[in-house]
Amino acid sequence: MKKSVITILILYFFQGIIHNLGHPVTPAFVRSLEIPDKMFGVFFATMSLGLMVGAPIWGILADRGKKRLVMTLGLIIYSIGQFSFGYVGNMYWMVFFRFISGFGVAASVTLFVSHMIEISEPENRAKHLAWLAAGIALGASIGYAIGGFISTNPWFVNLLNTNDYKVVFLIQASLNLIHAFNVYILVKESDILNKQNKKPTIIESFKNISKINSNLLLFLISLTFISIAITNLSKYLDVYFDDLGYSSGDIGNFVFVTGIVSLLTSVFIVPLITRIHKNLIIMLIAQAISILVVIYVFRANNFLITVYTVYMIYVISRTIYQPLEQNFIADNANPGFYSSIMGIRQSFFSIGMIAGPLIGGFLYEIKPRYVFDFSALMIFIGFSLILIIFIRIRKNNNLINS
């Protein structure tokens, strides 16, 4: 494996740790400020909005060269946003700085993926993207655990006063600045950008985006619908656990198991799947299985047993889908414009992150199962759009071969 691939995997893993340190203390921190619970959704949606706005901008800038500088700048902005979120003490300013955090982190979230695409051989691209997803997922789990530990452990509380939750955000922002420095030192420009005699202007990058072929546009729209489902299933499954009377420990154990399943899938199953070279067919199968699983799990009599067994099939399918969809988008992008197109991809995904919880919250209040049935419907719409793309590509190939 190339040294550059290993470097990106390690950096993204540590980013997963650092960027999740504040998550376990955020609910208690917000309540300590006597901010209404409904603001949790606002904070989440606002950060997603920052991701949606920032991703294409950072992507376009990165395609002009100096990607590591763009990533570093985004990470510095993220540190400013996280520190300010912890210390500003005003609900409305916290919303603003949540947007700033989302806007800043969009740079590294987008450009780590595009950089991995650029430095990977086409035959290894999906495998490397799967490892990248596994790395940040593992890092996120570790970061979540560390954030909860340092805020409650007596030794850390006495040493750093971490029971004052804003200190955790200070620690996160500080570590992220170190991470930004490492990114600037260790990330090197890819051969694709180095070989370009003329860097695209911002106007040329926007024109390239506007010329996205219809199949890729349909695929990005399908990604938005699937993103709505992924976001709601992640966000409201925790709430559903709580409503059924399970403890926070039960929820934590379940999240840990899903993380392990996702990691094992990325490391062992995805590399085998990518050898088939039938990405669209595999994505269709994964979405069809996901629909059936989601419909069944939330109608099963023994929820706990079902969610630890049948639901894991959905986790596997979701994990297989992500690197394949990223690889499909990369295959339909022009060399030298990978960062721009992955920025657009992140924007379409972020639309689902915004719309999902807003619609899901309304449905959950009516009847909890409705939000999961709605998620299955969103996956079905995404499945249908991918099927249309598959039929169009197959028809076009038949015309060429005839």
Protein backbone atom coordinates (compact mmCIF):
# COMPACT_ATOMS: atom_id res chain seq x y z
CA MET A 1 0.00 0.00 0.00
CA LYS A 2 1.26 3.46 -0.88
CA LYS A 3 2.57 5.67 1.92
CA SER A 4 0.23 8.47 0.88
CA VAL A 5 -2.81 6.21 1.34
CA ILE A 6 -1.66 5.17 4.83
CA THR A 7 -1.07 8.84 5.75
CA ILE A 8 -4.62 9.83 4.76
CA LEU A 9 -6.13 6.86 6.62
CA ILE A 10 -4.26 7.79 9.82
CA LEU A 11 -5.10 11.49 9.60
CA TYR A 12 -8.80 10.80 8.97
CA PHE A 13 -8.86 8.32 11.87
CA PHE A 14 -7.52 10.96 14.26
CA GLN A 15 -9.95 13.50 12.86
CA GLY A 16 -12.75 11.09 13.76
CA ILE A 17 -11.48 11.00 17.36
CA ILE A 18 -11.02 14.76 17.74
CA HIS A 19 -14.24 15.84 16.06
CA ASN A 20 -16.38 13.60 18.27
CA LEU A 21 -14.97 14.59 21.67
CA GLY A 22 -17.73 17.15 22.21
CA HIS A 23 -20.69 14.99 21.20
CA PRO A 24 -21.28 13.11 24.48
CA VAL A 25 -21.24 16.30 26.56
CA THR A 26 -23.30 18.49 24.20
CA PRO A 27 -26.76 17.51 25.56
CA ALA A 28 -25.73 18.14 29.18
CA PHE A 29 -23.88 21.32 28.19
CA VAL A 30 -26.90 22.75 26.36
CA ARG A 31 -29.26 21.88 29.21
CA SER A 32 -26.86 23.47 31.72
CA LEU A 33 -27.38 26.73 29.82
CA GLU A 34 -31.18 26.22 30.13
CA ILE A 35 -31.57 26.12 26.37
CA PRO A 36 -34.77 24.37 25.15
CA ASP A 37 -34.39 20.76 23.97
CA LYS A 38 -35.83 21.70 20.57
CA MET A 39 -32.58 23.56 19.86
CA PHE A 40 -30.73 20.25 19.51
CA GLY A 41 -32.40 19.84 16.12
CA VAL A 42 -31.61 23.44 15.21
CA PHE A 43 -27.93 23.00 16.08
CA PHE A 44 -27.75 19.81 14.00
CA ALA A 45 -29.54 21.35 11.02
CA THR A 46 -27.42 24.51 11.16
CA MET A 47 -24.15 22.57 11.11
CA SER A 48 -25.48 20.50 8.21
CA LEU A 49 -26.33 23.75 6.42
CA GLY A 50 -22.73 24.87 6.91
CA LEU A 51 -21.56 21.59 5.37
CA MET A 52 -23.92 22.04 2.43
CA VAL A 53 -22.72 25.58 1.72
CA GLY A 54 -19.03 25.02 2.42
CA ALA A 55 -18.35 21.72 0.64
CA PRO A 56 -18.56 22.92 -3.00
CA ILE A 57 -16.66 26.12 -2.20
CA TRP A 58 -13.76 24.25 -0.58
CA GLY A 59 -13.84 21.67 -3.38
CA ILE A 60 -13.53 24.31 -6.10
CA LEU A 61 -10.69 26.05 -4.25
CA ALA A 62 -8.84 22.74 -3.78
CA ASP A 63 -9.03 21.86 -7.48
CA ARG A 64 -7.03 25.02 -8.18
CA GLY A 65 -4.14 23.58 -6.13
CA LYS A 66 -2.77 23.95 -2.60
CA LYS A 67 -5.25 21.42 -1.24
CA ARG A 68 -3.45 21.04 2.09
CA LEU A 69 -3.68 24.81 2.66
CA VAL A 70 -7.43 24.71 1.96
CA MET A 71 -7.88 21.76 4.34
CA THR A 72 -5.83 23.48 7.04
CA LEU A 73 -7.82 26.71 6.73
CA GLY A 74 -11.09 24.79 7.02
CA LEU A 75 -9.87 22.98 10.13
CA ILE A 76 -8.81 26.28 11.75
CA ILE A 77 -12.29 27.69 11.08
CA TYR A 78 -13.78 24.54 12.64
CA SER A 79 -11.67 25.10 15.78
CA ILE A 80 -12.91 28.69 15.99
CA GLY A 81 -16.49 27.49 15.64
CA GLN A 82 -16.20 24.77 18.29
CA PHE A 83 -14.41 26.99 20.80
CA SER A 84 -16.95 29.77 20.32
CA PHE A 85 -19.88 27.34 20.58
CA GLY A 86 -18.57 26.30 23.99
CA TYR A 87 -17.79 29.76 25.35
CA VAL A 88 -20.19 32.28 23.75
CA GLY A 89 -23.02 31.42 26.18
CA ASN A 90 -25.82 32.77 23.97
CA MET A 91 -28.28 30.48 22.18
CA TYR A 92 -28.44 32.53 18.97
CA TRP A 93 -24.68 33.01 18.72
CA MET A 94 -24.30 29.27 19.31
CA VAL A 95 -26.47 28.65 16.25
CA PHE A 96 -24.22 30.96 14.23
CA PHE A 97 -21.03 29.27 15.38
CA ARG A 98 -22.57 25.87 14.68
CA PHE A 99 -22.89 27.01 11.08
CA ILE A 100 -19.25 28.19 11.16
CA SER A 101 -18.16 24.76 12.43
CA GLY A 102 -20.08 23.02 9.65
CA PHE A 103 -18.69 25.38 7.02
CA GLY A 104 -15.12 24.82 8.24
CA VAL A 105 -15.24 21.05 8.66
CA ALA A 106 -16.72 20.70 5.16
CA ALA A 107 -13.20 21.29 3.81
CA SER A 108 -11.55 18.27 5.39
CA VAL A 109 -14.63 16.02 5.14
CA THR A 110 -14.78 16.68 1.40
CA LEU A 111 -11.10 16.85 0.55
CA PHE A 112 -9.93 13.77 2.44
CA VAL A 113 -12.34 11.77 0.26
CA SER A 114 -11.37 13.50 -3.00
CA HIS A 115 -7.68 13.16 -2.16
CA MET A 116 -8.08 9.44 -1.53
CA ILE A 117 -9.77 9.16 -4.93
CA GLU A 118 -6.90 11.00 -6.61
CA ILE A 119 -4.08 8.95 -5.04
CA SER A 120 -5.76 5.54 -5.49
CA GLU A 121 -5.57 3.36 -8.57
CA PRO A 122 -9.05 2.91 -10.10
CA GLU A 123 -9.10 -0.79 -9.23
CA ASN A 124 -8.35 -0.03 -5.54
CA ARG A 125 -10.41 3.15 -5.18
CA ALA A 126 -13.59 1.65 -3.67
CA LYS A 127 -11.53 -0.47 -1.26
CA HIS A 128 -9.55 2.55 -0.06
CA LEU A 129 -12.73 4.60 0.33
CA ALA A 130 -14.19 1.80 2.44
CA TRP A 131 -11.11 1.82 4.65
CA LEU A 132 -11.38 5.59 4.93
CA ALA A 133 -15.00 5.30 6.09
CA ALA A 134 -14.01 2.55 8.54
CA GLY A 135 -11.21 4.69 9.95
CA ILE A 136 -13.36 7.68 10.72
CA ALA A 137 -16.15 5.47 12.08
CA LEU A 138 -13.70 3.80 14.48
CA GLY A 139 -12.21 7.17 15.38
CA ALA A 140 -15.68 8.59 16.03
CA SER A 141 -16.50 5.74 18.43
CA ILE A 142 -13.22 6.24 20.30
CA GLY A 143 -13.68 10.02 20.39
CA TYR A 144 -17.20 9.65 21.74
CA ALA A 145 -15.92 7.35 24.49
CA ILE A 146 -13.00 9.64 25.38
CA GLY A 147 -15.25 12.72 25.51
CA GLY A 148 -17.58 11.03 27.95
CA PHE A 149 -14.70 9.64 30.01
CA ILE A 150 -12.76 12.87 30.53
CA SER A 151 -15.91 14.75 31.50
CA THR A 152 -16.76 12.29 34.31
CA ASN A 153 -13.46 10.73 35.44
CA PRO A 154 -12.43 12.28 38.79
CA TRP A 155 -8.75 12.51 37.84
CA PHE A 156 -9.46 14.46 34.65
CA VAL A 157 -12.10 16.57 36.39
CA ASN A 158 -9.60 17.60 39.08
CA LEU A 159 -6.79 18.17 36.58
CA LEU A 160 -8.64 20.01 33.80
CA ASN A 161 -12.01 20.95 35.34
CA THR A 162 -13.73 18.97 32.57
CA ASN A 163 -17.00 18.79 34.50
CA ASP A 164 -17.32 22.35 33.20
CA TYR A 165 -18.40 21.09 29.78
CA LYS A 166 -17.11 24.07 27.83
CA VAL A 167 -13.58 22.96 28.73
CA VAL A 168 -14.14 19.85 26.60
CA PHE A 169 -14.79 22.12 23.60
CA LEU A 170 -11.59 24.02 24.40
CA ILE A 171 -9.67 20.73 24.44
CA GLN A 172 -11.31 19.68 21.17
CA ALA A 173 -10.52 23.00 19.47
CA SER A 174 -6.90 22.87 20.66
CA LEU A 175 -6.33 19.28 19.51
CA ASN A 176 -7.93 20.15 16.18
CA LEU A 177 -5.39 22.93 15.66
CA ILE A 178 -2.61 20.35 16.14
CA HIS A 179 -4.44 18.12 13.66
CA ALA A 180 -4.60 21.04 11.19
CA PHE A 181 -0.83 21.51 11.51
CA ASN A 182 -0.26 17.79 10.85
CA VAL A 183 -2.51 17.94 7.78
CA TYR A 184 -0.53 20.87 6.39
CA ILE A 185 2.77 19.05 6.94
CA LEU A 186 1.80 15.55 5.82
CA VAL A 187 -0.70 15.94 2.96
CA LYS A 188 0.98 16.22 -0.44
CA GLU A 189 -0.61 17.30 -3.71
CA SER A 190 -1.71 14.38 -5.87
CA ASP A 191 -0.13 13.61 -9.25
CA ILE A 192 -3.38 14.53 -10.98
CA LEU A 193 -3.18 18.14 -9.82
CA ASN A 194 0.60 18.33 -10.21
CA LYS A 195 0.34 17.26 -13.86
CA GLN A 196 -2.15 19.99 -14.73
CA ASN A 197 -0.40 22.70 -16.74
CA LYS A 198 -3.24 25.10 -16.13
CA LYS A 199 -5.27 25.16 -12.96
CA PRO A 200 -9.03 25.67 -13.48
CA THR A 201 -10.35 29.08 -12.54
CA ILE A 202 -13.24 29.37 -10.12
CA ILE A 203 -15.52 30.24 -13.04
CA GLU A 204 -14.33 27.18 -14.97
CA SER A 205 -14.98 25.00 -11.93
CA PHE A 206 -18.54 26.30 -11.61
CA LYS A 207 -19.06 25.72 -15.35
CA ASN A 208 -17.80 22.16 -14.97
CA ILE A 209 -20.27 21.58 -12.15
CA SER A 210 -23.11 22.95 -14.28
CA LYS A 211 -22.25 20.41 -16.99
CA ILE A 212 -22.89 17.36 -14.80
CA ASN A 213 -24.37 14.61 -16.96
CA SER A 214 -27.99 13.65 -16.31
CA ASN A 215 -27.14 10.22 -14.89
CA LEU A 216 -24.81 11.71 -12.31
CA LEU A 217 -27.38 14.36 -11.40
CA LEU A 218 -30.03 11.67 -10.90
CA PHE A 219 -27.58 9.73 -8.77
CA LEU A 220 -26.88 12.77 -6.58
CA ILE A 221 -30.63 13.30 -6.13
CA SER A 222 -30.97 9.64 -5.12
CA LEU A 223 -28.18 10.24 -2.60
CA THR A 224 -30.24 13.01 -0.98
CA PHE A 225 -33.23 10.71 -0.47
CA ILE A 226 -31.02 7.94 0.93
CA SER A 227 -29.29 10.50 3.17
CA ILE A 228 -32.67 11.43 4.65
CA ALA A 229 -33.19 7.77 5.56
CA ILE A 230 -29.67 7.24 6.93
CA THR A 231 -29.90 10.39 9.07
CA ASN A 232 -33.34 9.58 10.49
CA LEU A 233 -32.50 5.95 11.22
CA SER A 234 -29.39 7.07 13.09
CA LYS A 235 -31.00 9.98 14.92
CA TYR A 236 -34.36 8.50 15.93
CA LEU A 237 -33.29 4.94 16.70
CA ASP A 238 -31.63 6.28 19.87
CA VAL A 239 -34.85 8.07 20.79
CA TYR A 240 -36.87 4.91 20.08
CA PHE A 241 -34.58 2.90 22.39
CA ASP A 242 -35.20 5.44 25.13
CA ASP A 243 -38.97 5.45 24.61
CA LEU A 244 -39.05 1.67 24.94
CA GLY A 245 -37.43 2.00 28.37
CA TYR A 246 -33.87 0.94 27.54
CA SER A 247 -31.02 2.69 29.34
CA SER A 248 -28.32 4.92 27.91
CA GLY A 249 -25.95 2.01 28.50
CA ASP A 250 -28.09 -0.18 26.25
CA ILE A 251 -27.97 2.50 23.57
CA GLY A 252 -24.20 2.84 23.92
CA ASN A 253 -23.70 -0.91 23.63
CA PHE A 254 -25.85 -1.04 20.51
CA VAL A 255 -23.96 1.84 18.85
CA PHE A 256 -20.67 0.11 19.68
CA VAL A 257 -21.84 -3.14 18.06
CA THR A 258 -23.00 -1.33 14.91
CA GLY A 259 -19.59 0.34 14.74
CA ILE A 260 -17.81 -3.01 14.93
CA VAL A 261 -20.09 -4.49 12.26
CA SER A 262 -19.46 -1.49 10.01
CA LEU A 263 -15.70 -1.74 10.55
CA LEU A 264 -15.58 -5.46 9.77
CA THR A 265 -17.72 -4.92 6.67
CA SER A 266 -15.43 -2.18 5.39
CA VAL A 267 -12.26 -4.17 5.97
CA PHE A 268 -13.34 -7.64 4.83
CA ILE A 269 -16.55 -7.55 2.77
CA VAL A 270 -16.22 -4.38 0.68
CA PRO A 271 -12.84 -5.36 -0.84
CA LEU A 272 -14.43 -8.61 -2.04
CA ILE A 273 -17.52 -6.82 -3.37
CA THR A 274 -15.44 -4.35 -5.39
CA ARG A 275 -13.86 -7.20 -7.36
CA ILE A 276 -17.23 -7.91 -8.97
CA HIS A 277 -17.19 -4.53 -10.79
CA LYS A 278 -21.00 -4.28 -10.78
CA ASN A 279 -21.36 -1.24 -8.55
CA LEU A 280 -24.87 -0.18 -9.60
CA ILE A 281 -26.29 -3.70 -9.28
CA ILE A 282 -24.74 -4.12 -5.83
CA MET A 283 -26.08 -0.72 -4.73
CA LEU A 284 -29.55 -1.72 -5.94
CA ILE A 285 -29.37 -4.98 -4.00
CA ALA A 286 -28.12 -3.15 -0.89
CA GLN A 287 -31.00 -0.66 -1.02
CA ALA A 288 -33.62 -3.36 -1.65
CA ILE A 289 -32.36 -5.31 1.37
CA SER A 290 -32.34 -2.11 3.46
CA ILE A 291 -36.00 -1.42 2.65
CA LEU A 292 -37.09 -4.90 3.72
CA VAL A 293 -35.02 -4.81 6.91
CA VAL A 294 -36.26 -1.39 8.03
CA ILE A 295 -39.91 -2.33 7.42
CA TYR A 296 -39.51 -5.59 9.34
CA VAL A 297 -37.43 -4.51 12.33
CA PHE A 298 -39.85 -1.89 13.62
CA ARG A 299 -42.78 -4.32 13.40
CA ALA A 300 -41.04 -7.24 15.11
CA ASN A 301 -42.33 -8.48 18.47
CA ASN A 302 -38.94 -8.75 20.21
CA PHE A 303 -37.31 -5.46 19.27
CA LEU A 304 -34.01 -5.92 21.11
CA ILE A 305 -33.21 -9.31 19.58
CA THR A 306 -34.30 -8.13 16.14
CA VAL A 307 -32.27 -4.93 16.23
CA TYR A 308 -29.14 -6.88 17.24
CA THR A 309 -29.61 -9.42 14.45
CA VAL A 310 -31.78 -8.41 11.48
CA TYR A 311 -30.96 -4.69 11.73
CA MET A 312 -27.26 -5.51 11.37
CA ILE A 313 -28.04 -6.57 7.80
CA TYR A 314 -29.04 -2.95 7.15
CA VAL A 315 -25.78 -1.77 8.76
CA ILE A 316 -23.83 -4.04 6.43
CA SER A 317 -25.80 -2.85 3.38
CA ARG A 318 -25.32 0.81 4.34
CA THR A 319 -21.58 0.28 4.81
CA ILE A 320 -21.26 -1.39 1.41
CA TYR A 321 -23.24 1.39 -0.29
CA GLN A 322 -21.10 4.37 0.79
CA PRO A 323 -17.76 3.58 -0.91
CA LEU A 324 -19.56 2.33 -4.00
CA GLU A 325 -21.57 5.54 -4.39
CA GLN A 326 -18.44 7.65 -3.88
CA ASN A 327 -16.62 5.54 -6.46
CA PHE A 328 -19.49 5.86 -8.96
CA ILE A 329 -19.42 9.65 -8.59
CA ALA A 330 -15.63 9.68 -9.06
CA ASP A 331 -15.95 7.53 -12.21
CA ASN A 332 -18.31 10.14 -13.66
CA ALA A 333 -16.11 13.13 -12.76
CA ASN A 334 -13.44 14.73 -14.90
CA PRO A 335 -9.84 14.30 -13.68
CA GLY A 336 -8.70 17.46 -11.95
CA PHE A 337 -12.22 18.24 -10.74
CA TYR A 338 -12.59 15.48 -8.13
CA SER A 339 -12.69 17.90 -5.19
CA SER A 340 -15.38 20.01 -6.84
CA ILE A 341 -17.62 17.04 -7.58
CA MET A 342 -17.12 15.54 -4.11
CA GLY A 343 -18.03 18.94 -2.69
CA ILE A 344 -21.27 18.81 -4.67
CA ARG A 345 -21.80 15.27 -3.40
CA GLN A 346 -21.44 16.46 0.19
CA SER A 347 -23.97 19.25 -0.48
CA PHE A 348 -26.57 16.79 -1.79
CA PHE A 349 -25.93 14.51 1.20
CA SER A 350 -26.21 17.46 3.61
CA ILE A 351 -29.62 18.40 2.20
CA GLY A 352 -30.81 15.05 3.50
CA MET A 353 -29.15 15.73 6.86
CA ILE A 354 -31.17 18.95 7.12
CA ALA A 355 -34.51 17.73 5.77
CA GLY A 356 -34.45 14.34 7.50
CA PRO A 357 -34.61 15.42 11.15
CA LEU A 358 -37.08 18.23 10.41
CA ILE A 359 -39.56 15.86 8.76
CA GLY A 360 -38.66 12.99 11.08
CA GLY A 361 -39.38 15.01 14.23
CA PHE A 362 -42.86 15.82 13.00
CA LEU A 363 -43.59 12.19 12.09
CA TYR A 364 -42.15 10.81 15.34
CA GLU A 365 -44.50 12.98 17.39
CA ILE A 366 -47.48 11.52 15.51
CA LYS A 367 -46.31 7.92 15.78
CA PRO A 368 -42.71 6.70 16.21
CA ARG A 369 -42.98 3.97 13.58
CA TYR A 370 -43.94 6.54 10.93
CA VAL A 371 -40.42 7.99 10.86
CA PHE A 372 -38.96 4.54 10.11
CA ASP A 373 -41.59 3.78 7.46
CA PHE A 374 -40.79 7.18 5.95
CA SER A 375 -37.11 6.22 5.92
CA ALA A 376 -37.96 3.03 4.04
CA LEU A 377 -39.91 5.15 1.52
CA MET A 378 -36.92 7.45 1.05
CA ILE A 379 -34.66 4.46 0.39
CA PHE A 380 -37.22 3.17 -2.14
CA ILE A 381 -37.18 6.49 -4.01
CA GLY A 382 -33.36 6.41 -4.01
CA PHE A 383 -33.50 2.79 -5.21
CA SER A 384 -35.88 3.74 -8.03
CA LEU A 385 -33.62 6.54 -9.26
CA ILE A 386 -30.57 4.24 -9.24
CA LEU A 387 -32.62 1.68 -11.19
CA ILE A 388 -33.46 4.32 -13.81
CA ILE A 389 -29.75 5.14 -14.12
CA PHE A 390 -28.88 1.44 -14.47
CA ILE A 391 -31.48 0.98 -17.24
CA ARG A 392 -30.30 4.12 -19.08
CA ILE A 393 -26.64 3.08 -18.95
CA ARG A 394 -27.43 -0.45 -20.06
CA LYS A 395 -29.58 0.84 -22.93
CA ASN A 396 -26.84 3.22 -24.01
CA ASN A 397 -24.23 0.43 -23.92
CA ASN A 398 -26.48 -1.79 -26.07
CA LEU A 399 -26.79 1.00 -28.64
CA ILE A 400 -23.01 1.43 -28.76
CA ASN A 401 -22.44 -2.30 -29.16
CA SER A 402 -25.13 -2.75 -31.82
